[in-house]
Amino acid sequence: MTTLMIDAGPVAPAAQVTRTGGVPLAPAGTPWPCCTSCNGPMQFLAQVVLDDLGDGTEDRGVLVLFACQNDPGMCGDWAPDSGGNQALLFSTDGLEPLPQPEGGVDQALLLLGSVRAVSLVHADEPDYDQAGEEWAAENDRPASSVLGQLGGSPAWLQNDETPSCASCATPMSLIVQLEEGPDHSTAMNFGGGDAYTFACAPCGRAKFLWQC
């Protein structure tokens, strides 16, 4: 089975739901993530409510994703350990909108140009690419309406790059695979490819990478 993430249209920027764009939610006092290469603040991409994984575990928390867009292609935002991106795991309790950095930073470098809600569709087809194509055809929707998959097995565009947890050295599990989005003017920048986020639940760690 594949759990497809489908574009469900606009949603409030601070909604505590799975979405792309808007403003990140985080515990009070959380600093806005900065790139370790250029030291500039990163762009917020998406948040994923992990309860939606549907394994019966309650309050698994929220995953928030950032990547550097200050000088695309120069800070290694595609690599899991480059410091050019960040995947953070938070409890769902006490989350609030993360204040933007001070200093007149261009908002386009911090936030996407649109906020898109995500609905989940469970498909019997285990292959992600095939499941997405079949759903789009059956529902008369463009293939770009499929924003990714939640859980499951990664559909790699290149070689398998499953990361291991830095704490326990165990291979991490896929949490979400993301497409760039339906609107090129406000899409996430994955070099025309897909992003993959993995997590180690016992250690509370996550890693983010993309391929094209």
N, C-alpha and C. Protein backbone atom coordinates (compact mmCIF):
# COMPACT_ATOMS: atom_id res chain seq x y z
N MET A 1 0.84 -1.19 0.00
CA MET A 1 0.00 0.00 0.00
C MET A 1 0.88 1.24 0.00
N THR A 2 0.42 2.29 -0.68
CA THR A 2 1.11 3.57 -0.72
C THR A 2 0.18 4.65 -0.19
N THR A 3 0.69 5.50 0.70
CA THR A 3 -0.09 6.63 1.19
C THR A 3 0.34 7.88 0.42
N LEU A 4 -0.50 8.26 -0.54
CA LEU A 4 -0.20 9.42 -1.38
C LEU A 4 -0.57 10.70 -0.66
N MET A 5 0.23 11.73 -0.86
CA MET A 5 -0.03 13.07 -0.35
C MET A 5 -0.56 13.91 -1.53
N ILE A 6 -1.79 14.38 -1.40
CA ILE A 6 -2.46 15.06 -2.50
C ILE A 6 -2.66 16.53 -2.17
N ASP A 7 -2.40 17.39 -3.14
CA ASP A 7 -2.63 18.83 -2.98
C ASP A 7 -4.10 19.08 -2.69
N ALA A 8 -4.40 19.66 -1.51
CA ALA A 8 -5.78 19.92 -1.10
C ALA A 8 -6.11 21.40 -1.11
N GLY A 9 -5.29 22.22 -1.76
CA GLY A 9 -5.61 23.63 -1.89
C GLY A 9 -5.08 24.47 -0.74
N PRO A 10 -5.38 25.76 -0.76
CA PRO A 10 -4.84 26.69 0.24
C PRO A 10 -5.30 26.36 1.65
N VAL A 11 -4.46 26.73 2.61
CA VAL A 11 -4.78 26.53 4.02
C VAL A 11 -4.12 27.67 4.79
N ALA A 12 -4.56 27.90 6.02
CA ALA A 12 -4.01 28.98 6.84
C ALA A 12 -2.50 28.78 7.05
N PRO A 13 -1.73 29.85 7.01
CA PRO A 13 -0.26 29.74 7.08
C PRO A 13 0.26 29.07 8.33
N ALA A 14 -0.50 29.14 9.46
CA ALA A 14 -0.02 28.56 10.70
C ALA A 14 -0.84 27.35 11.13
N ALA A 15 -1.56 26.74 10.21
CA ALA A 15 -2.39 25.58 10.54
C ALA A 15 -1.51 24.42 11.03
N GLN A 16 -1.95 23.75 12.09
CA GLN A 16 -1.21 22.60 12.62
C GLN A 16 -1.66 21.34 11.89
N VAL A 17 -1.38 21.31 10.60
CA VAL A 17 -1.72 20.19 9.73
C VAL A 17 -0.51 19.92 8.84
N THR A 18 -0.53 18.80 8.15
CA THR A 18 0.50 18.55 7.15
C THR A 18 0.30 19.50 5.98
N ARG A 19 1.34 20.25 5.64
CA ARG A 19 1.23 21.27 4.60
C ARG A 19 2.60 21.60 4.05
N THR A 20 2.62 22.23 2.89
CA THR A 20 3.83 22.84 2.35
C THR A 20 3.66 24.35 2.44
N GLY A 21 4.73 25.05 2.76
CA GLY A 21 4.66 26.50 2.87
C GLY A 21 4.02 26.96 4.16
N GLY A 22 3.77 28.27 4.23
CA GLY A 22 3.26 28.87 5.44
C GLY A 22 4.40 29.21 6.39
N VAL A 23 4.09 29.23 7.68
CA VAL A 23 5.11 29.52 8.69
C VAL A 23 5.34 28.27 9.53
N PRO A 24 6.57 28.03 9.94
CA PRO A 24 6.85 26.84 10.75
C PRO A 24 6.30 26.99 12.17
N LEU A 25 5.86 25.87 12.74
CA LEU A 25 5.45 25.82 14.13
C LEU A 25 6.55 25.13 14.92
N ALA A 26 6.86 25.68 16.09
CA ALA A 26 7.95 25.15 16.90
C ALA A 26 7.72 25.54 18.35
N PRO A 27 8.40 24.88 19.29
CA PRO A 27 8.32 25.29 20.68
C PRO A 27 8.86 26.71 20.87
N ALA A 28 8.32 27.43 21.84
CA ALA A 28 8.78 28.78 22.13
C ALA A 28 10.29 28.79 22.38
N GLY A 29 10.96 29.78 21.82
CA GLY A 29 12.40 29.91 22.01
C GLY A 29 13.25 29.19 20.98
N THR A 30 12.63 28.45 20.07
CA THR A 30 13.39 27.75 19.02
C THR A 30 13.99 28.78 18.07
N PRO A 31 15.29 28.72 17.79
CA PRO A 31 15.88 29.67 16.84
C PRO A 31 15.56 29.26 15.41
N TRP A 32 15.44 30.24 14.53
CA TRP A 32 15.25 29.96 13.10
C TRP A 32 16.52 29.29 12.58
N PRO A 33 16.42 28.12 11.93
CA PRO A 33 17.63 27.43 11.48
C PRO A 33 18.42 28.24 10.45
N CYS A 34 19.73 28.20 10.58
CA CYS A 34 20.63 28.88 9.65
C CYS A 34 21.56 27.87 9.00
N CYS A 35 21.94 28.16 7.77
CA CYS A 35 22.87 27.32 7.01
C CYS A 35 24.26 27.40 7.62
N THR A 36 24.93 26.27 7.78
CA THR A 36 26.27 26.29 8.34
C THR A 36 27.33 26.69 7.33
N SER A 37 26.96 26.74 6.03
CA SER A 37 27.92 27.15 5.01
C SER A 37 27.95 28.67 4.84
N CYS A 38 26.76 29.27 4.67
CA CYS A 38 26.71 30.72 4.41
C CYS A 38 26.23 31.52 5.61
N ASN A 39 25.80 30.82 6.67
CA ASN A 39 25.31 31.44 7.91
C ASN A 39 24.00 32.19 7.75
N GLY A 40 23.37 32.10 6.58
CA GLY A 40 22.09 32.76 6.36
C GLY A 40 20.93 31.91 6.81
N PRO A 41 19.79 32.54 7.15
CA PRO A 41 18.61 31.77 7.54
C PRO A 41 18.08 30.94 6.39
N MET A 42 17.61 29.74 6.70
CA MET A 42 17.10 28.84 5.67
C MET A 42 15.63 29.11 5.36
N GLN A 43 15.18 28.55 4.24
CA GLN A 43 13.78 28.66 3.83
C GLN A 43 12.98 27.52 4.44
N PHE A 44 11.80 27.86 5.01
CA PHE A 44 10.90 26.84 5.51
C PHE A 44 10.14 26.23 4.34
N LEU A 45 10.11 24.89 4.29
CA LEU A 45 9.50 24.18 3.17
C LEU A 45 8.17 23.52 3.53
N ALA A 46 8.16 22.73 4.58
CA ALA A 46 6.97 21.92 4.85
C ALA A 46 6.95 21.47 6.29
N GLN A 47 5.75 21.13 6.76
CA GLN A 47 5.61 20.46 8.05
C GLN A 47 4.73 19.23 7.84
N VAL A 48 5.06 18.18 8.57
CA VAL A 48 4.35 16.90 8.47
C VAL A 48 3.92 16.48 9.87
N VAL A 49 2.61 16.28 10.06
CA VAL A 49 2.09 15.77 11.32
C VAL A 49 2.29 14.26 11.32
N LEU A 50 3.13 13.77 12.19
CA LEU A 50 3.54 12.37 12.13
C LEU A 50 2.46 11.40 12.60
N ASP A 51 1.45 11.90 13.31
CA ASP A 51 0.32 11.04 13.65
C ASP A 51 -0.34 10.48 12.38
N ASP A 52 -0.21 11.22 11.28
CA ASP A 52 -0.81 10.80 10.01
C ASP A 52 -0.18 9.54 9.44
N LEU A 53 0.94 9.09 10.02
CA LEU A 53 1.55 7.85 9.54
C LEU A 53 0.64 6.66 9.74
N GLY A 54 -0.32 6.78 10.67
CA GLY A 54 -1.37 5.79 10.78
C GLY A 54 -0.97 4.46 11.37
N ASP A 55 0.08 4.43 12.20
CA ASP A 55 0.48 3.15 12.80
C ASP A 55 -0.09 2.97 14.20
N GLY A 56 -1.02 3.88 14.58
CA GLY A 56 -1.66 3.76 15.88
C GLY A 56 -0.92 4.45 17.01
N THR A 57 0.28 4.95 16.73
CA THR A 57 1.05 5.65 17.76
C THR A 57 0.55 7.08 17.88
N GLU A 58 0.17 7.48 19.08
CA GLU A 58 -0.35 8.83 19.27
C GLU A 58 0.79 9.81 19.58
N ASP A 59 0.56 11.07 19.21
CA ASP A 59 1.49 12.16 19.48
C ASP A 59 2.92 11.82 19.08
N ARG A 60 3.07 11.39 17.85
CA ARG A 60 4.41 11.15 17.34
C ARG A 60 5.14 12.45 17.07
N GLY A 61 4.39 13.55 17.04
CA GLY A 61 5.01 14.85 16.88
C GLY A 61 4.86 15.42 15.49
N VAL A 62 5.66 16.45 15.23
CA VAL A 62 5.62 17.18 13.97
C VAL A 62 7.03 17.28 13.42
N LEU A 63 7.16 17.07 12.13
CA LEU A 63 8.42 17.21 11.41
C LEU A 63 8.39 18.52 10.64
N VAL A 64 9.43 19.35 10.77
CA VAL A 64 9.51 20.59 9.99
C VAL A 64 10.81 20.58 9.19
N LEU A 65 10.72 21.06 7.94
CA LEU A 65 11.84 20.97 7.00
C LEU A 65 12.26 22.35 6.52
N PHE A 66 13.58 22.55 6.49
CA PHE A 66 14.18 23.79 6.01
C PHE A 66 15.31 23.47 5.03
N ALA A 67 15.56 24.38 4.09
CA ALA A 67 16.71 24.25 3.19
C ALA A 67 17.22 25.63 2.82
N CYS A 68 18.50 25.75 2.62
CA CYS A 68 19.11 27.04 2.29
C CYS A 68 18.79 27.42 0.84
N GLN A 69 18.27 28.64 0.66
CA GLN A 69 18.02 29.18 -0.68
C GLN A 69 18.70 30.53 -0.87
N ASN A 70 19.71 30.80 -0.05
CA ASN A 70 20.42 32.08 -0.16
C ASN A 70 21.30 32.16 -1.40
N ASP A 71 21.84 31.03 -1.81
CA ASP A 71 22.65 30.95 -3.03
C ASP A 71 22.50 29.53 -3.56
N PRO A 72 21.34 29.24 -4.21
CA PRO A 72 21.02 27.86 -4.58
C PRO A 72 22.16 27.16 -5.33
N GLY A 73 22.43 25.93 -4.90
CA GLY A 73 23.46 25.13 -5.54
C GLY A 73 24.83 25.25 -4.91
N MET A 74 24.99 26.19 -3.96
CA MET A 74 26.32 26.43 -3.40
C MET A 74 26.48 25.90 -1.97
N CYS A 75 25.39 25.65 -1.27
CA CYS A 75 25.49 25.27 0.14
C CYS A 75 25.15 23.80 0.40
N GLY A 76 25.07 23.00 -0.65
CA GLY A 76 24.86 21.57 -0.47
C GLY A 76 23.55 21.21 0.19
N ASP A 77 22.48 21.96 -0.14
CA ASP A 77 21.20 21.72 0.52
C ASP A 77 20.59 20.37 0.15
N TRP A 78 21.17 19.65 -0.80
CA TRP A 78 20.68 18.33 -1.21
C TRP A 78 21.24 17.20 -0.34
N ALA A 79 22.26 17.47 0.45
CA ALA A 79 22.96 16.42 1.19
C ALA A 79 22.52 16.39 2.65
N PRO A 80 22.38 15.20 3.24
CA PRO A 80 21.83 15.11 4.59
C PRO A 80 22.71 15.69 5.69
N ASP A 81 24.01 15.74 5.47
CA ASP A 81 24.92 16.19 6.53
C ASP A 81 25.73 17.42 6.13
N SER A 82 25.25 18.17 5.14
CA SER A 82 26.00 19.32 4.65
C SER A 82 25.82 20.57 5.50
N GLY A 83 24.76 20.60 6.29
CA GLY A 83 24.44 21.82 7.03
C GLY A 83 23.63 22.81 6.22
N GLY A 84 23.31 22.42 4.96
CA GLY A 84 22.52 23.29 4.10
C GLY A 84 21.04 23.00 4.16
N ASN A 85 20.64 22.05 4.98
CA ASN A 85 19.21 21.82 5.23
C ASN A 85 19.05 21.32 6.65
N GLN A 86 17.81 21.27 7.12
CA GLN A 86 17.58 20.79 8.48
C GLN A 86 16.18 20.20 8.58
N ALA A 87 16.09 19.06 9.26
CA ALA A 87 14.83 18.40 9.56
C ALA A 87 14.73 18.30 11.07
N LEU A 88 13.68 18.89 11.63
CA LEU A 88 13.53 18.95 13.07
C LEU A 88 12.25 18.23 13.50
N LEU A 89 12.32 17.52 14.63
CA LEU A 89 11.18 16.82 15.19
C LEU A 89 10.76 17.50 16.50
N PHE A 90 9.48 17.81 16.60
CA PHE A 90 8.95 18.44 17.81
C PHE A 90 7.72 17.67 18.30
N SER A 91 7.48 17.73 19.60
CA SER A 91 6.20 17.27 20.13
C SER A 91 5.11 18.22 19.65
N THR A 92 3.88 17.73 19.58
CA THR A 92 2.79 18.59 19.12
C THR A 92 2.32 19.57 20.19
N ASP A 93 2.77 19.39 21.42
CA ASP A 93 2.33 20.26 22.51
C ASP A 93 3.07 21.60 22.49
N GLY A 94 2.33 22.68 22.67
CA GLY A 94 2.95 23.99 22.86
C GLY A 94 3.60 24.59 21.64
N LEU A 95 3.19 24.18 20.46
CA LEU A 95 3.79 24.75 19.25
C LEU A 95 3.20 26.13 18.97
N GLU A 96 4.03 27.01 18.43
CA GLU A 96 3.59 28.35 18.05
C GLU A 96 4.39 28.79 16.83
N PRO A 97 3.87 29.78 16.07
CA PRO A 97 4.59 30.24 14.88
C PRO A 97 6.00 30.71 15.24
N LEU A 98 6.97 30.28 14.46
CA LEU A 98 8.36 30.63 14.71
C LEU A 98 8.63 32.05 14.20
N PRO A 99 9.07 32.97 15.07
CA PRO A 99 9.35 34.34 14.62
C PRO A 99 10.44 34.35 13.55
N GLN A 100 10.24 35.20 12.53
CA GLN A 100 11.23 35.31 11.47
C GLN A 100 12.46 36.05 11.97
N PRO A 101 13.62 35.75 11.38
CA PRO A 101 14.85 36.44 11.79
C PRO A 101 14.74 37.95 11.57
N GLU A 102 15.39 38.68 12.44
CA GLU A 102 15.42 40.13 12.29
C GLU A 102 16.52 40.52 11.32
N GLY A 103 16.46 41.76 10.86
CA GLY A 103 17.52 42.25 9.99
C GLY A 103 17.13 42.44 8.55
N GLY A 104 15.82 42.45 8.26
CA GLY A 104 15.38 42.75 6.91
C GLY A 104 15.68 41.68 5.88
N VAL A 105 15.66 40.41 6.29
CA VAL A 105 15.89 39.31 5.34
C VAL A 105 14.73 39.22 4.37
N ASP A 106 15.03 39.04 3.09
CA ASP A 106 14.01 38.90 2.06
C ASP A 106 13.08 37.75 2.41
N GLN A 107 11.77 38.03 2.51
CA GLN A 107 10.82 37.00 2.90
C GLN A 107 10.81 35.84 1.92
N ALA A 108 11.08 36.11 0.63
CA ALA A 108 11.10 35.05 -0.38
C ALA A 108 12.19 34.02 -0.10
N LEU A 109 13.21 34.41 0.65
CA LEU A 109 14.27 33.47 1.01
C LEU A 109 13.88 32.64 2.23
N LEU A 110 12.84 33.07 2.94
CA LEU A 110 12.43 32.40 4.17
C LEU A 110 11.18 31.55 4.00
N LEU A 111 10.23 32.02 3.17
CA LEU A 111 8.93 31.37 3.05
C LEU A 111 8.57 31.13 1.60
N LEU A 112 7.88 30.05 1.33
CA LEU A 112 7.36 29.79 -0.01
C LEU A 112 6.25 30.78 -0.33
N GLY A 113 5.94 30.93 -1.61
CA GLY A 113 4.95 31.90 -2.04
C GLY A 113 3.52 31.46 -1.89
N SER A 114 3.28 30.21 -1.49
CA SER A 114 1.91 29.74 -1.27
C SER A 114 1.92 28.69 -0.18
N VAL A 115 0.74 28.46 0.40
CA VAL A 115 0.57 27.46 1.45
C VAL A 115 -0.42 26.43 0.94
N ARG A 116 -0.02 25.16 0.92
CA ARG A 116 -0.86 24.11 0.36
C ARG A 116 -1.11 23.04 1.41
N ALA A 117 -2.39 22.77 1.65
CA ALA A 117 -2.75 21.68 2.53
C ALA A 117 -2.53 20.35 1.82
N VAL A 118 -2.45 19.30 2.60
CA VAL A 118 -2.22 17.96 2.07
C VAL A 118 -3.32 17.02 2.56
N SER A 119 -3.94 16.30 1.64
CA SER A 119 -4.85 15.23 2.02
C SER A 119 -4.17 13.90 1.71
N LEU A 120 -4.58 12.85 2.41
CA LEU A 120 -3.95 11.54 2.26
C LEU A 120 -4.89 10.57 1.56
N VAL A 121 -4.34 9.83 0.61
CA VAL A 121 -5.10 8.82 -0.13
C VAL A 121 -4.32 7.51 -0.06
N HIS A 122 -4.99 6.46 0.37
CA HIS A 122 -4.34 5.15 0.48
C HIS A 122 -4.60 4.35 -0.80
N ALA A 123 -3.52 3.97 -1.45
CA ALA A 123 -3.61 3.21 -2.71
C ALA A 123 -3.08 1.80 -2.48
N ASP A 124 -3.73 0.82 -3.11
CA ASP A 124 -3.28 -0.57 -2.98
C ASP A 124 -1.96 -0.82 -3.70
N GLU A 125 -1.68 -0.03 -4.73
CA GLU A 125 -0.45 -0.18 -5.50
C GLU A 125 0.76 0.16 -4.62
N PRO A 126 1.73 -0.77 -4.44
CA PRO A 126 2.87 -0.51 -3.57
C PRO A 126 3.93 0.40 -4.19
N ASP A 127 3.98 0.48 -5.50
CA ASP A 127 4.97 1.32 -6.17
C ASP A 127 4.49 2.77 -6.18
N TYR A 128 5.27 3.66 -5.59
CA TYR A 128 4.85 5.05 -5.45
C TYR A 128 4.56 5.72 -6.78
N ASP A 129 5.47 5.61 -7.73
CA ASP A 129 5.28 6.27 -9.02
C ASP A 129 4.03 5.76 -9.73
N GLN A 130 3.85 4.46 -9.73
CA GLN A 130 2.68 3.86 -10.37
C GLN A 130 1.40 4.28 -9.65
N ALA A 131 1.44 4.28 -8.33
CA ALA A 131 0.26 4.66 -7.55
C ALA A 131 -0.15 6.09 -7.87
N GLY A 132 0.83 6.99 -7.99
CA GLY A 132 0.52 8.38 -8.29
C GLY A 132 -0.08 8.55 -9.68
N GLU A 133 0.49 7.85 -10.64
CA GLU A 133 -0.03 7.93 -12.01
C GLU A 133 -1.46 7.40 -12.09
N GLU A 134 -1.72 6.29 -11.42
CA GLU A 134 -3.05 5.71 -11.45
C GLU A 134 -4.06 6.62 -10.76
N TRP A 135 -3.68 7.21 -9.63
CA TRP A 135 -4.60 8.11 -8.93
C TRP A 135 -4.96 9.32 -9.79
N ALA A 136 -3.94 9.92 -10.44
CA ALA A 136 -4.19 11.09 -11.27
C ALA A 136 -5.12 10.76 -12.43
N ALA A 137 -4.91 9.60 -13.06
CA ALA A 137 -5.75 9.21 -14.19
C ALA A 137 -7.18 8.93 -13.74
N GLU A 138 -7.33 8.23 -12.62
CA GLU A 138 -8.66 7.87 -12.13
C GLU A 138 -9.46 9.08 -11.66
N ASN A 139 -8.78 10.13 -11.20
CA ASN A 139 -9.45 11.30 -10.65
C ASN A 139 -9.40 12.51 -11.57
N ASP A 140 -8.90 12.31 -12.79
CA ASP A 140 -8.81 13.39 -13.77
C ASP A 140 -8.12 14.61 -13.19
N ARG A 141 -7.01 14.37 -12.51
CA ARG A 141 -6.19 15.43 -11.93
C ARG A 141 -4.80 15.36 -12.55
N PRO A 142 -4.11 16.49 -12.65
CA PRO A 142 -2.74 16.45 -13.16
C PRO A 142 -1.82 15.70 -12.22
N ALA A 143 -0.78 15.11 -12.75
CA ALA A 143 0.16 14.35 -11.93
C ALA A 143 0.81 15.24 -10.87
N SER A 144 0.90 16.55 -11.13
CA SER A 144 1.51 17.47 -10.18
C SER A 144 0.67 17.65 -8.93
N SER A 145 -0.57 17.14 -8.92
CA SER A 145 -1.40 17.20 -7.71
C SER A 145 -0.89 16.24 -6.64
N VAL A 146 -0.09 15.27 -7.04
CA VAL A 146 0.53 14.36 -6.08
C VAL A 146 1.77 15.05 -5.52
N LEU A 147 1.73 15.35 -4.22
CA LEU A 147 2.82 16.08 -3.58
C LEU A 147 3.86 15.17 -2.96
N GLY A 148 3.59 13.86 -2.94
CA GLY A 148 4.57 12.94 -2.37
C GLY A 148 3.90 11.74 -1.75
N GLN A 149 4.65 11.06 -0.89
CA GLN A 149 4.11 9.91 -0.16
C GLN A 149 4.53 10.01 1.29
N LEU A 150 3.67 9.47 2.16
CA LEU A 150 3.93 9.45 3.59
C LEU A 150 4.31 8.04 3.98
N GLY A 151 5.50 7.88 4.57
CA GLY A 151 5.97 6.56 4.93
C GLY A 151 6.27 5.71 3.70
N GLY A 152 6.26 4.41 3.87
CA GLY A 152 6.51 3.51 2.75
C GLY A 152 7.99 3.37 2.44
N SER A 153 8.27 3.01 1.19
CA SER A 153 9.64 2.83 0.72
C SER A 153 10.00 3.93 -0.26
N PRO A 154 11.19 4.51 -0.16
CA PRO A 154 11.56 5.60 -1.06
C PRO A 154 11.65 5.14 -2.51
N ALA A 155 11.12 5.97 -3.40
CA ALA A 155 11.27 5.75 -4.84
C ALA A 155 12.45 6.60 -5.29
N TRP A 156 13.63 6.00 -5.22
CA TRP A 156 14.86 6.76 -5.49
C TRP A 156 14.96 7.17 -6.95
N LEU A 157 15.42 8.38 -7.19
CA LEU A 157 15.71 8.84 -8.54
C LEU A 157 17.13 8.47 -8.94
N GLN A 158 17.99 8.28 -7.94
CA GLN A 158 19.36 7.85 -8.18
C GLN A 158 19.61 6.62 -7.29
N ASN A 159 20.81 6.54 -6.72
CA ASN A 159 21.14 5.40 -5.86
C ASN A 159 20.47 5.53 -4.49
N ASP A 160 20.35 4.40 -3.82
CA ASP A 160 19.81 4.37 -2.47
C ASP A 160 20.74 5.16 -1.53
N GLU A 161 20.20 6.19 -0.89
CA GLU A 161 20.99 7.02 0.03
C GLU A 161 20.37 7.01 1.43
N THR A 162 19.77 5.91 1.82
CA THR A 162 19.16 5.84 3.14
C THR A 162 20.20 6.17 4.21
N PRO A 163 19.98 7.21 5.00
CA PRO A 163 20.97 7.58 6.02
C PRO A 163 20.83 6.74 7.28
N SER A 164 21.89 6.73 8.07
CA SER A 164 21.87 6.08 9.37
C SER A 164 21.82 7.14 10.46
N CYS A 165 21.24 6.76 11.58
CA CYS A 165 21.13 7.68 12.70
C CYS A 165 22.51 7.97 13.28
N ALA A 166 22.78 9.25 13.55
CA ALA A 166 24.08 9.64 14.09
C ALA A 166 24.25 9.17 15.53
N SER A 167 23.15 8.85 16.21
CA SER A 167 23.25 8.43 17.61
C SER A 167 23.41 6.93 17.77
N CYS A 168 22.59 6.14 17.04
CA CYS A 168 22.60 4.69 17.25
C CYS A 168 23.09 3.90 16.04
N ALA A 169 23.38 4.60 14.92
CA ALA A 169 23.91 3.99 13.70
C ALA A 169 22.92 3.08 12.99
N THR A 170 21.65 3.09 13.40
CA THR A 170 20.63 2.28 12.76
C THR A 170 20.12 2.98 11.50
N PRO A 171 19.91 2.26 10.38
CA PRO A 171 19.32 2.89 9.20
C PRO A 171 17.97 3.53 9.54
N MET A 172 17.76 4.73 9.08
CA MET A 172 16.54 5.46 9.39
C MET A 172 15.39 5.03 8.49
N SER A 173 14.16 5.29 8.96
CA SER A 173 12.95 4.95 8.20
C SER A 173 12.45 6.18 7.45
N LEU A 174 11.93 5.95 6.24
CA LEU A 174 11.37 7.05 5.48
C LEU A 174 10.12 7.60 6.17
N ILE A 175 10.08 8.90 6.35
CA ILE A 175 8.90 9.57 6.89
C ILE A 175 8.08 10.17 5.75
N VAL A 176 8.75 10.84 4.84
CA VAL A 176 8.03 11.48 3.75
C VAL A 176 8.94 11.64 2.54
N GLN A 177 8.35 11.44 1.36
CA GLN A 177 8.99 11.77 0.09
C GLN A 177 8.17 12.88 -0.53
N LEU A 178 8.82 13.97 -0.94
CA LEU A 178 8.12 15.15 -1.41
C LEU A 178 8.47 15.50 -2.85
N GLU A 179 7.45 15.89 -3.60
CA GLU A 179 7.64 16.50 -4.91
C GLU A 179 7.78 18.01 -4.72
N GLU A 180 8.23 18.72 -5.75
CA GLU A 180 8.44 20.15 -5.62
C GLU A 180 7.13 20.93 -5.47
N GLY A 181 6.05 20.46 -6.08
CA GLY A 181 4.77 21.15 -5.98
C GLY A 181 4.22 21.55 -7.33
N PRO A 182 2.91 21.87 -7.40
CA PRO A 182 2.24 22.08 -8.68
C PRO A 182 2.49 23.43 -9.34
N ASP A 183 2.95 24.41 -8.57
CA ASP A 183 3.12 25.77 -9.10
C ASP A 183 4.60 26.10 -9.15
N HIS A 184 5.15 26.19 -10.36
CA HIS A 184 6.60 26.39 -10.49
C HIS A 184 7.06 27.71 -9.86
N SER A 185 6.18 28.70 -9.82
CA SER A 185 6.59 30.00 -9.27
C SER A 185 6.73 29.97 -7.75
N THR A 186 6.12 28.99 -7.10
CA THR A 186 6.19 28.91 -5.64
C THR A 186 6.63 27.53 -5.17
N ALA A 187 7.20 26.73 -6.05
CA ALA A 187 7.57 25.35 -5.70
C ALA A 187 8.79 25.31 -4.79
N MET A 188 8.89 24.21 -4.04
CA MET A 188 10.12 23.93 -3.31
C MET A 188 11.22 23.61 -4.33
N ASN A 189 12.44 23.94 -4.00
CA ASN A 189 13.55 23.74 -4.93
C ASN A 189 14.30 22.46 -4.59
N PHE A 190 14.03 21.41 -5.36
CA PHE A 190 14.76 20.15 -5.24
C PHE A 190 15.50 19.85 -6.55
N GLY A 191 15.88 20.90 -7.27
CA GLY A 191 16.61 20.72 -8.52
C GLY A 191 15.81 20.00 -9.57
N GLY A 192 14.47 20.08 -9.47
CA GLY A 192 13.61 19.37 -10.40
C GLY A 192 13.35 17.93 -9.98
N GLY A 193 13.81 17.54 -8.80
CA GLY A 193 13.67 16.16 -8.36
C GLY A 193 12.76 16.00 -7.16
N ASP A 194 13.10 15.04 -6.30
CA ASP A 194 12.31 14.70 -5.12
C ASP A 194 13.16 14.83 -3.87
N ALA A 195 12.49 15.13 -2.76
CA ALA A 195 13.16 15.16 -1.46
C ALA A 195 12.72 13.97 -0.62
N TYR A 196 13.60 13.56 0.29
CA TYR A 196 13.35 12.39 1.15
C TYR A 196 13.75 12.75 2.57
N THR A 197 12.85 12.50 3.52
CA THR A 197 13.17 12.74 4.92
C THR A 197 13.02 11.44 5.70
N PHE A 198 14.05 11.15 6.50
CA PHE A 198 14.11 9.92 7.28
C PHE A 198 14.20 10.28 8.76
N ALA A 199 13.76 9.39 9.62
CA ALA A 199 13.82 9.64 11.05
C ALA A 199 14.16 8.38 11.82
N CYS A 200 14.78 8.57 12.97
CA CYS A 200 14.98 7.52 13.96
C CYS A 200 14.13 7.92 15.16
N ALA A 201 12.97 7.29 15.32
CA ALA A 201 12.03 7.68 16.37
C ALA A 201 12.62 7.53 17.78
N PRO A 202 13.32 6.41 18.10
CA PRO A 202 13.85 6.28 19.46
C PRO A 202 14.84 7.38 19.84
N CYS A 203 15.61 7.85 18.86
CA CYS A 203 16.63 8.87 19.15
C CYS A 203 16.13 10.29 18.89
N GLY A 204 14.95 10.42 18.27
CA GLY A 204 14.41 11.74 18.01
C GLY A 204 15.19 12.54 16.99
N ARG A 205 15.80 11.86 16.03
CA ARG A 205 16.60 12.52 15.00
C ARG A 205 15.98 12.34 13.62
N ALA A 206 16.21 13.31 12.75
CA ALA A 206 15.72 13.22 11.37
C ALA A 206 16.78 13.78 10.43
N LYS A 207 16.75 13.30 9.19
CA LYS A 207 17.66 13.78 8.15
C LYS A 207 16.89 13.98 6.85
N PHE A 208 17.38 14.91 6.05
CA PHE A 208 16.69 15.38 4.86
C PHE A 208 17.69 15.44 3.71
N LEU A 209 17.27 14.96 2.52
CA LEU A 209 18.13 15.03 1.33
C LEU A 209 17.23 15.07 0.11
N TRP A 210 17.80 15.47 -1.04
CA TRP A 210 17.04 15.39 -2.28
C TRP A 210 17.91 14.90 -3.42
N GLN A 211 17.23 14.35 -4.42
CA GLN A 211 17.88 13.85 -5.64
C GLN A 211 17.16 14.39 -6.86
N CYS A 212 17.89 14.48 -7.96
CA CYS A 212 17.24 14.88 -9.21
C CYS A 212 17.84 14.08 -10.36
